[in-house]
Amino acid sequence: MATPLTGQQIIDRFELYTDDTTDLSSDEELILANDKLRLIYMEQPWEFLRRKKSGNVESDGKITPPTDFDELMENYSEDPTIGEPITKVVYVGRSPYLVVPMGQRNANNYSNVCWIDPTDGKINFAQSPGSGATYEFDYKTSPDDITVGTSPKLPPEYHPMVVFSMLIDEEIIKKSEKARSSMQDNFVQYQRYLKNLKLRDARFKLI
């Protein structure tokens, strides 16, 4: 099993691949690493970022998403023969409430719908399921930025892709002759990691 890379180890590799000629401070290199890592997280709703949230509907008949919430994830399919869920729902008790855009909340012919209201950031229901009812849904977590002592939430074997993503940053290519001369190789390496990560993710959806 691959060993996770800490923020400091990512910085060390980046400096090795650029001969430390970018004039960036360690703090700036860590900021760059987190910028690139967030772009990877945003690439798609990764299975490795899937989390389950359960609890009880609040007194106002709504649900407050967790603090690390990014977006709801597909967790339901009406056809049991389909291995991959294709619809986002919030289960209240055993009933699935279809997640719809807020603008479509009144355009449905049934009441079992819900949406996220940007004004309060909560999950709202067309018809309140009642205070205290149990709920469950899947969501994509939004990981905290890494520090010099913490690691990305990527599978460990894919941590090096953060370094290659940093190396193909436009400003880094301008500042580092080594990064500039290796730009194509670094880009190919990053794309290879990204492609393999997507294939890995797809396999998890079909289990």
N, C-alpha and C. Protein backbone atom coordinates (compact mmCIF):
# COMPACT_ATOMS: atom_id res chain seq x y z
N MET A 1 0.84 -1.20 0.00
CA MET A 1 0.00 0.00 0.00
C MET A 1 0.88 1.25 0.00
N ALA A 2 0.47 2.23 -0.79
CA ALA A 2 1.23 3.46 -0.90
C ALA A 2 1.19 4.23 0.42
N THR A 3 2.28 4.93 0.70
CA THR A 3 2.37 5.76 1.90
C THR A 3 1.84 7.15 1.58
N PRO A 4 0.93 7.68 2.38
CA PRO A 4 0.42 9.04 2.12
C PRO A 4 1.54 10.08 2.17
N LEU A 5 1.40 11.10 1.34
CA LEU A 5 2.33 12.22 1.36
C LEU A 5 1.75 13.34 2.20
N THR A 6 2.56 13.90 3.07
CA THR A 6 2.13 15.07 3.82
C THR A 6 2.34 16.32 2.96
N GLY A 7 1.78 17.43 3.44
CA GLY A 7 2.00 18.69 2.73
C GLY A 7 3.47 19.01 2.56
N GLN A 8 4.26 18.73 3.60
CA GLN A 8 5.70 19.01 3.53
C GLN A 8 6.38 18.13 2.49
N GLN A 9 6.00 16.87 2.41
CA GLN A 9 6.60 15.97 1.43
C GLN A 9 6.21 16.38 0.01
N ILE A 10 5.00 16.88 -0.17
CA ILE A 10 4.59 17.39 -1.48
C ILE A 10 5.45 18.59 -1.86
N ILE A 11 5.67 19.49 -0.92
CA ILE A 11 6.53 20.66 -1.16
C ILE A 11 7.94 20.22 -1.50
N ASP A 12 8.46 19.24 -0.75
CA ASP A 12 9.83 18.77 -0.99
C ASP A 12 9.98 18.20 -2.39
N ARG A 13 9.01 17.43 -2.84
CA ARG A 13 9.08 16.87 -4.19
C ARG A 13 8.97 17.97 -5.24
N PHE A 14 8.10 18.91 -5.00
CA PHE A 14 7.95 20.03 -5.93
C PHE A 14 9.26 20.79 -6.06
N GLU A 15 9.93 21.06 -4.95
CA GLU A 15 11.20 21.78 -5.00
C GLU A 15 12.28 20.96 -5.69
N LEU A 16 12.22 19.64 -5.51
CA LEU A 16 13.18 18.76 -6.19
C LEU A 16 12.99 18.82 -7.70
N TYR A 17 11.73 18.81 -8.16
CA TYR A 17 11.45 18.81 -9.60
C TYR A 17 11.64 20.18 -10.24
N THR A 18 11.78 21.22 -9.45
CA THR A 18 12.00 22.57 -10.00
C THR A 18 13.39 23.10 -9.67
N ASP A 19 14.21 22.27 -9.02
CA ASP A 19 15.51 22.72 -8.51
C ASP A 19 15.36 23.91 -7.57
N ASP A 20 14.18 24.04 -6.97
CA ASP A 20 13.87 25.11 -6.01
C ASP A 20 14.21 26.48 -6.59
N THR A 21 13.80 26.72 -7.85
CA THR A 21 14.13 27.98 -8.53
C THR A 21 12.90 28.83 -8.80
N THR A 22 11.79 28.55 -8.14
CA THR A 22 10.56 29.28 -8.45
C THR A 22 10.41 30.58 -7.67
N ASP A 23 11.27 30.80 -6.67
CA ASP A 23 11.19 31.98 -5.80
C ASP A 23 9.95 31.98 -4.92
N LEU A 24 9.23 30.86 -4.86
CA LEU A 24 8.09 30.77 -3.97
C LEU A 24 8.56 30.39 -2.57
N SER A 25 7.94 30.98 -1.57
CA SER A 25 8.22 30.56 -0.20
C SER A 25 7.50 29.24 0.07
N SER A 26 7.84 28.61 1.17
CA SER A 26 7.17 27.35 1.52
C SER A 26 5.68 27.56 1.72
N ASP A 27 5.30 28.69 2.30
CA ASP A 27 3.88 28.99 2.49
C ASP A 27 3.18 29.14 1.14
N GLU A 28 3.84 29.80 0.19
CA GLU A 28 3.25 29.98 -1.14
C GLU A 28 3.15 28.65 -1.88
N GLU A 29 4.13 27.78 -1.68
CA GLU A 29 4.08 26.45 -2.30
C GLU A 29 2.92 25.63 -1.73
N LEU A 30 2.67 25.77 -0.44
CA LEU A 30 1.56 25.06 0.18
C LEU A 30 0.22 25.60 -0.33
N ILE A 31 0.15 26.91 -0.52
CA ILE A 31 -1.07 27.52 -1.09
C ILE A 31 -1.31 26.98 -2.49
N LEU A 32 -0.25 26.89 -3.30
CA LEU A 32 -0.36 26.36 -4.65
C LEU A 32 -0.83 24.91 -4.62
N ALA A 33 -0.26 24.12 -3.71
CA ALA A 33 -0.66 22.72 -3.59
C ALA A 33 -2.15 22.60 -3.28
N ASN A 34 -2.63 23.44 -2.36
CA ASN A 34 -4.05 23.39 -2.01
C ASN A 34 -4.94 23.87 -3.15
N ASP A 35 -4.47 24.87 -3.90
CA ASP A 35 -5.24 25.32 -5.06
C ASP A 35 -5.41 24.19 -6.06
N LYS A 36 -4.34 23.45 -6.33
CA LYS A 36 -4.40 22.35 -7.29
C LYS A 36 -5.21 21.18 -6.74
N LEU A 37 -5.10 20.94 -5.44
CA LEU A 37 -5.84 19.86 -4.83
C LEU A 37 -7.34 20.12 -4.88
N ARG A 38 -7.74 21.38 -4.65
CA ARG A 38 -9.16 21.71 -4.73
C ARG A 38 -9.70 21.50 -6.13
N LEU A 39 -8.90 21.79 -7.15
CA LEU A 39 -9.33 21.55 -8.53
C LEU A 39 -9.55 20.06 -8.78
N ILE A 40 -8.71 19.22 -8.19
CA ILE A 40 -8.90 17.77 -8.32
C ILE A 40 -10.18 17.35 -7.62
N TYR A 41 -10.41 17.86 -6.42
CA TYR A 41 -11.64 17.53 -5.70
C TYR A 41 -12.88 17.95 -6.50
N MET A 42 -12.78 19.08 -7.21
CA MET A 42 -13.92 19.61 -7.94
C MET A 42 -14.13 18.94 -9.29
N GLU A 43 -13.19 18.11 -9.71
CA GLU A 43 -13.25 17.49 -11.04
C GLU A 43 -14.54 16.71 -11.25
N GLN A 44 -15.00 16.02 -10.22
CA GLN A 44 -16.23 15.23 -10.32
C GLN A 44 -16.64 14.81 -8.91
N PRO A 45 -17.86 14.27 -8.72
CA PRO A 45 -18.27 13.80 -7.39
C PRO A 45 -17.61 12.45 -7.08
N TRP A 46 -16.39 12.50 -6.60
CA TRP A 46 -15.59 11.30 -6.36
C TRP A 46 -16.21 10.40 -5.29
N GLU A 47 -16.13 9.10 -5.51
CA GLU A 47 -16.63 8.15 -4.52
C GLU A 47 -15.81 8.20 -3.23
N PHE A 48 -14.53 8.49 -3.33
CA PHE A 48 -13.71 8.52 -2.11
C PHE A 48 -14.04 9.73 -1.24
N LEU A 49 -14.83 10.66 -1.77
CA LEU A 49 -15.29 11.79 -0.98
C LEU A 49 -16.75 11.63 -0.55
N ARG A 50 -17.34 10.49 -0.81
CA ARG A 50 -18.73 10.23 -0.41
C ARG A 50 -18.80 10.00 1.10
N ARG A 51 -19.78 10.63 1.72
CA ARG A 51 -20.03 10.45 3.14
C ARG A 51 -21.54 10.25 3.37
N LYS A 52 -21.89 9.58 4.45
CA LYS A 52 -23.29 9.40 4.82
C LYS A 52 -23.62 10.32 5.98
N LYS A 53 -24.79 10.96 5.91
CA LYS A 53 -25.26 11.81 7.01
C LYS A 53 -26.63 11.33 7.43
N SER A 54 -26.80 11.12 8.71
CA SER A 54 -28.10 10.73 9.25
C SER A 54 -28.38 11.56 10.49
N GLY A 55 -29.64 11.65 10.84
CA GLY A 55 -30.02 12.42 12.01
C GLY A 55 -31.52 12.55 12.08
N ASN A 56 -31.98 13.63 12.70
CA ASN A 56 -33.40 13.89 12.85
C ASN A 56 -33.75 15.25 12.29
N VAL A 57 -34.89 15.32 11.61
CA VAL A 57 -35.37 16.59 11.06
C VAL A 57 -35.53 17.59 12.21
N GLU A 58 -35.10 18.83 11.94
CA GLU A 58 -35.10 19.85 12.98
C GLU A 58 -36.51 20.38 13.26
N SER A 59 -36.61 21.20 14.30
CA SER A 59 -37.92 21.71 14.74
C SER A 59 -38.60 22.56 13.69
N ASP A 60 -37.82 23.16 12.77
CA ASP A 60 -38.42 23.96 11.70
C ASP A 60 -38.79 23.13 10.48
N GLY A 61 -38.65 21.79 10.60
CA GLY A 61 -39.00 20.91 9.49
C GLY A 61 -37.96 20.85 8.40
N LYS A 62 -36.73 21.32 8.69
CA LYS A 62 -35.67 21.36 7.70
C LYS A 62 -34.46 20.54 8.19
N ILE A 63 -33.46 20.42 7.33
CA ILE A 63 -32.23 19.70 7.67
C ILE A 63 -31.04 20.61 7.38
N THR A 64 -30.16 20.76 8.36
CA THR A 64 -28.93 21.52 8.15
C THR A 64 -27.83 20.58 7.69
N PRO A 65 -27.23 20.80 6.52
CA PRO A 65 -26.15 19.93 6.06
C PRO A 65 -24.93 20.03 6.99
N PRO A 66 -24.07 19.03 6.99
CA PRO A 66 -22.87 19.06 7.83
C PRO A 66 -21.91 20.17 7.39
N THR A 67 -20.99 20.53 8.26
CA THR A 67 -20.09 21.66 7.98
C THR A 67 -19.14 21.38 6.82
N ASP A 68 -18.86 20.10 6.53
CA ASP A 68 -17.97 19.77 5.41
C ASP A 68 -18.73 19.46 4.13
N PHE A 69 -19.99 19.86 4.08
CA PHE A 69 -20.87 19.55 2.94
C PHE A 69 -20.44 20.32 1.69
N ASP A 70 -20.39 19.59 0.56
CA ASP A 70 -20.14 20.23 -0.74
C ASP A 70 -21.38 20.12 -1.61
N GLU A 71 -21.84 18.90 -1.85
CA GLU A 71 -23.04 18.68 -2.65
C GLU A 71 -23.63 17.31 -2.32
N LEU A 72 -24.93 17.15 -2.61
CA LEU A 72 -25.56 15.85 -2.45
C LEU A 72 -25.09 14.91 -3.56
N MET A 73 -25.08 13.62 -3.26
CA MET A 73 -24.64 12.64 -4.24
C MET A 73 -25.76 11.65 -4.55
N GLU A 74 -25.71 11.07 -5.75
CA GLU A 74 -26.71 10.10 -6.17
C GLU A 74 -26.68 8.89 -5.24
N ASN A 75 -27.85 8.47 -4.79
CA ASN A 75 -27.93 7.36 -3.85
C ASN A 75 -29.21 6.52 -4.02
N TYR A 76 -29.84 6.63 -5.20
CA TYR A 76 -31.13 5.95 -5.39
C TYR A 76 -31.34 5.60 -6.85
N SER A 77 -31.96 4.44 -7.08
CA SER A 77 -32.38 4.04 -8.41
C SER A 77 -33.67 3.26 -8.30
N GLU A 78 -34.67 3.61 -9.09
CA GLU A 78 -35.94 2.87 -9.06
C GLU A 78 -35.79 1.48 -9.65
N ASP A 79 -34.79 1.29 -10.49
CA ASP A 79 -34.56 -0.01 -11.12
C ASP A 79 -33.46 -0.74 -10.35
N PRO A 80 -33.79 -1.79 -9.59
CA PRO A 80 -32.78 -2.49 -8.78
C PRO A 80 -31.73 -3.21 -9.61
N THR A 81 -31.97 -3.35 -10.93
CA THR A 81 -30.98 -4.03 -11.77
C THR A 81 -29.85 -3.10 -12.18
N ILE A 82 -30.03 -1.80 -11.93
CA ILE A 82 -28.98 -0.83 -12.24
C ILE A 82 -28.03 -0.75 -11.06
N GLY A 83 -26.77 -1.07 -11.30
CA GLY A 83 -25.82 -1.10 -10.19
C GLY A 83 -25.48 0.27 -9.65
N GLU A 84 -25.47 1.27 -10.53
CA GLU A 84 -25.05 2.60 -10.11
C GLU A 84 -26.27 3.48 -9.82
N PRO A 85 -26.35 4.09 -8.63
CA PRO A 85 -27.46 4.99 -8.35
C PRO A 85 -27.42 6.19 -9.28
N ILE A 86 -28.60 6.66 -9.69
CA ILE A 86 -28.65 7.73 -10.68
C ILE A 86 -29.43 8.95 -10.20
N THR A 87 -30.02 8.86 -9.01
CA THR A 87 -30.87 9.94 -8.52
C THR A 87 -30.46 10.34 -7.11
N LYS A 88 -30.53 11.64 -6.83
CA LYS A 88 -30.24 12.14 -5.50
C LYS A 88 -31.54 12.20 -4.70
N VAL A 89 -31.56 11.54 -3.55
CA VAL A 89 -32.72 11.59 -2.68
C VAL A 89 -32.27 11.79 -1.24
N VAL A 90 -33.20 12.27 -0.42
CA VAL A 90 -33.03 12.29 1.02
C VAL A 90 -34.06 11.31 1.58
N TYR A 91 -33.60 10.30 2.27
CA TYR A 91 -34.52 9.34 2.88
C TYR A 91 -35.03 9.92 4.20
N VAL A 92 -36.32 9.97 4.33
CA VAL A 92 -36.94 10.34 5.61
C VAL A 92 -37.75 9.14 6.04
N GLY A 93 -37.32 8.52 7.15
CA GLY A 93 -37.85 7.21 7.45
C GLY A 93 -37.42 6.26 6.35
N ARG A 94 -38.37 5.62 5.71
CA ARG A 94 -38.05 4.75 4.57
C ARG A 94 -38.46 5.37 3.25
N SER A 95 -38.93 6.60 3.29
CA SER A 95 -39.43 7.24 2.07
C SER A 95 -38.35 8.10 1.42
N PRO A 96 -38.12 7.91 0.10
CA PRO A 96 -37.15 8.76 -0.59
C PRO A 96 -37.80 10.08 -1.04
N TYR A 97 -37.18 11.18 -0.70
CA TYR A 97 -37.61 12.50 -1.15
C TYR A 97 -36.66 12.95 -2.26
N LEU A 98 -37.22 13.13 -3.45
CA LEU A 98 -36.42 13.49 -4.61
C LEU A 98 -35.84 14.89 -4.45
N VAL A 99 -34.53 15.00 -4.69
CA VAL A 99 -33.87 16.31 -4.62
C VAL A 99 -34.04 17.01 -5.97
N VAL A 100 -34.59 18.22 -5.94
CA VAL A 100 -34.82 18.99 -7.17
C VAL A 100 -34.17 20.37 -7.01
N PRO A 101 -33.89 21.05 -8.13
CA PRO A 101 -33.44 22.44 -8.02
C PRO A 101 -34.53 23.28 -7.36
N MET A 102 -34.12 24.28 -6.62
CA MET A 102 -35.11 25.10 -5.91
C MET A 102 -36.14 25.69 -6.86
N GLY A 103 -35.71 26.06 -8.06
CA GLY A 103 -36.63 26.66 -9.03
C GLY A 103 -37.70 25.71 -9.52
N GLN A 104 -37.51 24.40 -9.30
CA GLN A 104 -38.50 23.41 -9.75
C GLN A 104 -39.35 22.87 -8.60
N ARG A 105 -39.25 23.50 -7.42
CA ARG A 105 -39.92 22.95 -6.25
C ARG A 105 -41.45 22.93 -6.39
N ASN A 106 -41.99 23.81 -7.22
CA ASN A 106 -43.45 23.86 -7.40
C ASN A 106 -43.89 23.23 -8.71
N ALA A 107 -42.94 22.64 -9.45
CA ALA A 107 -43.25 22.12 -10.78
C ALA A 107 -43.46 20.61 -10.77
N ASN A 108 -43.58 20.04 -9.59
CA ASN A 108 -43.73 18.59 -9.50
C ASN A 108 -45.16 18.21 -9.10
N ASN A 109 -45.57 17.04 -9.54
CA ASN A 109 -46.94 16.59 -9.30
C ASN A 109 -47.08 15.79 -8.00
N TYR A 110 -46.01 15.72 -7.23
CA TYR A 110 -46.08 14.99 -5.96
C TYR A 110 -45.32 15.77 -4.90
N SER A 111 -45.58 15.46 -3.64
CA SER A 111 -45.06 16.28 -2.55
C SER A 111 -43.72 15.81 -2.00
N ASN A 112 -43.31 14.58 -2.36
CA ASN A 112 -42.06 14.05 -1.81
C ASN A 112 -40.84 14.58 -2.54
N VAL A 113 -40.66 15.90 -2.46
CA VAL A 113 -39.49 16.53 -3.05
C VAL A 113 -38.84 17.43 -2.01
N CYS A 114 -37.55 17.67 -2.20
CA CYS A 114 -36.81 18.58 -1.34
C CYS A 114 -35.75 19.29 -2.15
N TRP A 115 -35.18 20.34 -1.59
CA TRP A 115 -34.18 21.14 -2.29
C TRP A 115 -33.34 21.87 -1.27
N ILE A 116 -32.21 22.38 -1.71
CA ILE A 116 -31.36 23.20 -0.84
C ILE A 116 -31.67 24.66 -1.13
N ASP A 117 -32.09 25.37 -0.10
CA ASP A 117 -32.41 26.79 -0.21
C ASP A 117 -31.15 27.59 0.08
N PRO A 118 -30.62 28.33 -0.90
CA PRO A 118 -29.38 29.08 -0.67
C PRO A 118 -29.52 30.19 0.36
N THR A 119 -30.74 30.61 0.66
CA THR A 119 -30.90 31.70 1.63
C THR A 119 -30.60 31.25 3.06
N ASP A 120 -30.91 29.99 3.39
CA ASP A 120 -30.58 29.50 4.72
C ASP A 120 -29.63 28.30 4.70
N GLY A 121 -29.29 27.82 3.47
CA GLY A 121 -28.35 26.71 3.34
C GLY A 121 -28.89 25.38 3.81
N LYS A 122 -30.20 25.30 4.05
CA LYS A 122 -30.79 24.08 4.58
C LYS A 122 -31.54 23.30 3.50
N ILE A 123 -31.77 22.00 3.79
CA ILE A 123 -32.61 21.18 2.95
C ILE A 123 -34.05 21.44 3.35
N ASN A 124 -34.84 21.93 2.38
CA ASN A 124 -36.25 22.26 2.61
C ASN A 124 -37.13 21.21 1.94
N PHE A 125 -38.34 21.06 2.42
CA PHE A 125 -39.28 20.08 1.90
C PHE A 125 -40.56 20.78 1.42
N ALA A 126 -41.12 20.25 0.31
CA ALA A 126 -42.39 20.78 -0.18
C ALA A 126 -43.49 20.56 0.85
N GLN A 127 -43.43 19.42 1.50
CA GLN A 127 -44.36 19.11 2.58
C GLN A 127 -43.53 18.59 3.75
N SER A 128 -43.56 19.30 4.86
CA SER A 128 -42.71 18.96 5.99
C SER A 128 -42.92 17.52 6.45
N PRO A 129 -41.83 16.76 6.60
CA PRO A 129 -41.96 15.38 7.07
C PRO A 129 -42.20 15.31 8.58
N GLY A 130 -42.12 16.46 9.25
CA GLY A 130 -42.36 16.47 10.69
C GLY A 130 -41.09 16.52 11.50
N SER A 131 -41.10 17.32 12.51
CA SER A 131 -39.94 17.46 13.38
C SER A 131 -39.61 16.13 14.06
N GLY A 132 -38.32 15.81 14.07
CA GLY A 132 -37.86 14.59 14.74
C GLY A 132 -37.81 13.36 13.88
N ALA A 133 -38.35 13.42 12.67
CA ALA A 133 -38.29 12.26 11.77
C ALA A 133 -36.83 11.95 11.42
N THR A 134 -36.50 10.67 11.31
CA THR A 134 -35.13 10.30 10.98
C THR A 134 -34.87 10.51 9.49
N TYR A 135 -33.64 10.89 9.16
CA TYR A 135 -33.28 11.10 7.76
C TYR A 135 -31.89 10.52 7.49
N GLU A 136 -31.62 10.32 6.20
CA GLU A 136 -30.30 9.88 5.77
C GLU A 136 -30.09 10.32 4.33
N PHE A 137 -28.88 10.76 4.02
CA PHE A 137 -28.52 11.08 2.64
C PHE A 137 -27.02 10.93 2.47
N ASP A 138 -26.58 10.86 1.22
CA ASP A 138 -25.16 10.82 0.89
C ASP A 138 -24.74 12.18 0.34
N TYR A 139 -23.51 12.56 0.68
CA TYR A 139 -23.03 13.84 0.20
C TYR A 139 -21.53 13.77 -0.10
N LYS A 140 -21.09 14.71 -0.88
CA LYS A 140 -19.65 14.85 -1.17
C LYS A 140 -19.06 15.79 -0.15
N THR A 141 -18.03 15.32 0.54
CA THR A 141 -17.38 16.16 1.53
C THR A 141 -16.45 17.17 0.86
N SER A 142 -16.27 18.30 1.49
CA SER A 142 -15.32 19.32 1.04
C SER A 142 -14.16 19.31 2.03
N PRO A 143 -13.06 18.63 1.70
CA PRO A 143 -11.97 18.47 2.67
C PRO A 143 -11.30 19.79 3.04
N ASP A 144 -10.76 19.83 4.24
CA ASP A 144 -9.96 20.98 4.66
C ASP A 144 -8.68 21.04 3.84
N ASP A 145 -8.11 22.23 3.75
CA ASP A 145 -6.80 22.36 3.12
C ASP A 145 -5.77 21.54 3.89
N ILE A 146 -4.79 21.03 3.16
CA ILE A 146 -3.71 20.31 3.84
C ILE A 146 -2.75 21.30 4.48
N THR A 147 -2.06 20.84 5.49
CA THR A 147 -0.98 21.59 6.14
C THR A 147 0.31 20.83 5.90
N VAL A 148 1.41 21.32 6.43
CA VAL A 148 2.69 20.61 6.24
C VAL A 148 2.65 19.23 6.89
N GLY A 149 1.75 19.04 7.87
CA GLY A 149 1.72 17.77 8.58
C GLY A 149 0.54 16.88 8.26
N THR A 150 -0.36 17.33 7.36
CA THR A 150 -1.52 16.51 6.99
C THR A 150 -1.46 16.14 5.52
N SER A 151 -2.31 15.20 5.13
CA SER A 151 -2.26 14.64 3.78
C SER A 151 -3.56 14.89 3.03
N PRO A 152 -3.51 14.86 1.69
CA PRO A 152 -4.73 14.98 0.90
C PRO A 152 -5.71 13.85 1.16
N LYS A 153 -6.99 14.08 0.88
CA LYS A 153 -8.01 13.06 1.02
C LYS A 153 -8.10 12.17 -0.22
N LEU A 154 -7.15 12.30 -1.12
CA LEU A 154 -7.05 11.39 -2.26
C LEU A 154 -6.57 10.02 -1.76
N PRO A 155 -6.86 8.94 -2.49
CA PRO A 155 -6.22 7.67 -2.18
C PRO A 155 -4.70 7.87 -2.21
N PRO A 156 -3.95 7.32 -1.26
CA PRO A 156 -2.52 7.62 -1.12
C PRO A 156 -1.69 7.45 -2.38
N GLU A 157 -2.02 6.43 -3.20
CA GLU A 157 -1.21 6.19 -4.39
C GLU A 157 -1.35 7.30 -5.43
N TYR A 158 -2.32 8.20 -5.23
CA TYR A 158 -2.53 9.28 -6.18
C TYR A 158 -2.03 10.63 -5.65
N HIS A 159 -1.41 10.64 -4.50
CA HIS A 159 -0.90 11.90 -3.95
C HIS A 159 0.13 12.58 -4.86
N PRO A 160 0.99 11.83 -5.58
CA PRO A 160 1.97 12.50 -6.45
C PRO A 160 1.33 13.36 -7.54
N MET A 161 0.07 13.10 -7.89
CA MET A 161 -0.54 13.91 -8.94
C MET A 161 -0.66 15.37 -8.53
N VAL A 162 -0.71 15.65 -7.23
CA VAL A 162 -0.74 17.04 -6.78
C VAL A 162 0.54 17.75 -7.18
N VAL A 163 1.66 17.05 -7.05
CA VAL A 163 2.96 17.62 -7.43
C VAL A 163 2.99 17.92 -8.93
N PHE A 164 2.55 16.96 -9.75
CA PHE A 164 2.57 17.17 -11.20
C PHE A 164 1.61 18.29 -11.61
N SER A 165 0.50 18.41 -10.89
CA SER A 165 -0.42 19.51 -11.17
C SER A 165 0.23 20.85 -10.86
N MET A 166 1.00 20.92 -9.79
CA MET A 166 1.73 22.15 -9.44
C MET A 166 2.77 22.48 -10.51
N LEU A 167 3.43 21.45 -11.02
CA LEU A 167 4.51 21.66 -11.99
C LEU A 167 4.03 22.19 -13.33
N ILE A 168 2.75 21.96 -13.67
CA ILE A 168 2.24 22.44 -14.95
C ILE A 168 1.44 23.74 -14.79
N ASP A 169 1.52 24.33 -13.60
CA ASP A 169 0.91 25.65 -13.41
C ASP A 169 1.62 26.67 -14.29
N GLU A 170 0.84 27.54 -14.92
CA GLU A 170 1.41 28.49 -15.89
C GLU A 170 2.51 29.35 -15.28
N GLU A 171 2.30 29.84 -14.07
CA GLU A 171 3.29 30.71 -13.43
C GLU A 171 4.56 29.94 -13.07
N ILE A 172 4.41 28.69 -12.67
CA ILE A 172 5.58 27.88 -12.32
C ILE A 172 6.41 27.60 -13.57
N ILE A 173 5.75 27.34 -14.69
CA ILE A 173 6.48 27.10 -15.94
C ILE A 173 7.28 28.33 -16.33
N LYS A 174 6.74 29.51 -16.07
CA LYS A 174 7.46 30.76 -16.38
C LYS A 174 8.68 30.93 -15.49
N LYS A 175 8.59 30.48 -14.24
CA LYS A 175 9.63 30.76 -13.26
C LYS A 175 10.71 29.69 -13.18
N SER A 176 10.42 28.48 -13.64
CA SER A 176 11.36 27.38 -13.49
C SER A 176 11.73 26.79 -14.84
N GLU A 177 13.02 26.86 -15.16
CA GLU A 177 13.51 26.30 -16.42
C GLU A 177 13.30 24.79 -16.43
N LYS A 178 13.52 24.15 -15.28
CA LYS A 178 13.36 22.70 -15.21
C LYS A 178 11.90 22.31 -15.43
N ALA A 179 10.99 23.05 -14.84
CA ALA A 179 9.57 22.77 -15.05
C ALA A 179 9.18 23.03 -16.50
N ARG A 180 9.77 24.06 -17.09
CA ARG A 180 9.46 24.42 -18.47
C ARG A 180 9.94 23.32 -19.42
N SER A 181 11.15 22.83 -19.20
CA SER A 181 11.71 21.82 -20.09
C SER A 181 10.99 20.47 -19.93
N SER A 182 10.39 20.24 -18.76
CA SER A 182 9.71 18.97 -18.50
C SER A 182 8.19 19.11 -18.56
N MET A 183 7.71 20.23 -19.09
CA MET A 183 6.29 20.53 -19.07
C MET A 183 5.45 19.41 -19.67
N GLN A 184 5.84 18.92 -20.85
CA GLN A 184 5.05 17.89 -21.52
C GLN A 184 5.02 16.60 -20.71
N ASP A 185 6.17 16.20 -20.19
CA ASP A 185 6.24 14.99 -19.39
C ASP A 185 5.39 15.12 -18.13
N ASN A 186 5.46 16.28 -17.49
CA ASN A 186 4.69 16.50 -16.27
C ASN A 186 3.18 16.48 -16.56
N PHE A 187 2.81 17.06 -17.70
CA PHE A 187 1.41 17.08 -18.09
C PHE A 187 0.92 15.65 -18.35
N VAL A 188 1.71 14.85 -19.03
CA VAL A 188 1.34 13.47 -19.32
C VAL A 188 1.19 12.68 -18.03
N GLN A 189 2.12 12.90 -17.10
CA GLN A 189 2.05 12.20 -15.82
C GLN A 189 0.78 12.57 -15.06
N TYR A 190 0.45 13.86 -15.04
CA TYR A 190 -0.76 14.30 -14.34
C TYR A 190 -2.01 13.69 -14.98
N GLN A 191 -2.09 13.73 -16.30
CA GLN A 191 -3.24 13.18 -17.00
C GLN A 191 -3.37 11.68 -16.78
N ARG A 192 -2.23 10.99 -16.69
CA ARG A 192 -2.26 9.55 -16.44
C ARG A 192 -2.84 9.26 -15.06
N TYR A 193 -2.39 10.01 -14.07
CA TYR A 193 -2.94 9.85 -12.72
C TYR A 193 -4.44 10.14 -12.70
N LEU A 194 -4.84 11.23 -13.36
CA LEU A 194 -6.24 11.62 -13.35
C LEU A 194 -7.11 10.57 -14.04
N LYS A 195 -6.65 10.05 -15.16
CA LYS A 195 -7.41 9.02 -15.88
C LYS A 195 -7.56 7.77 -15.02
N ASN A 196 -6.47 7.33 -14.39
CA ASN A 196 -6.53 6.14 -13.56
C ASN A 196 -7.40 6.35 -12.33
N LEU A 197 -7.38 7.56 -11.79
CA LEU A 197 -8.23 7.85 -10.64
C LEU A 197 -9.70 7.78 -11.02
N LYS A 198 -10.04 8.26 -12.20
CA LYS A 198 -11.43 8.19 -12.66
C LYS A 198 -11.85 6.74 -12.91
N LEU A 199 -10.94 5.93 -13.45
CA LEU A 199 -11.25 4.51 -13.65
C LEU A 199 -11.46 3.81 -12.31
N ARG A 200 -10.62 4.14 -11.34
CA ARG A 200 -10.76 3.57 -10.00
C ARG A 200 -12.10 3.96 -9.41
N ASP A 201 -12.46 5.21 -9.56
CA ASP A 201 -13.72 5.70 -9.01
C ASP A 201 -14.91 5.01 -9.64
N ALA A 202 -14.83 4.79 -10.96
CA ALA A 202 -15.93 4.14 -11.67
C ALA A 202 -16.13 2.71 -11.18
N ARG A 203 -15.05 2.02 -10.84
CA ARG A 203 -15.16 0.65 -10.35
C ARG A 203 -15.90 0.61 -9.01
N PHE A 204 -15.67 1.61 -8.17
CA PHE A 204 -16.36 1.65 -6.88
C PHE A 204 -17.85 1.84 -7.06
N LYS A 205 -18.27 2.53 -8.12
CA LYS A 205 -19.70 2.75 -8.36
C LYS A 205 -20.42 1.48 -8.80
N LEU A 206 -19.65 0.52 -9.31
CA LEU A 206 -20.26 -0.69 -9.87
C LEU A 206 -20.17 -1.88 -8.93
N ILE A 207 -19.62 -1.68 -7.74
CA ILE A 207 -19.50 -2.78 -6.78
C ILE A 207 -20.90 -3.18 -6.27
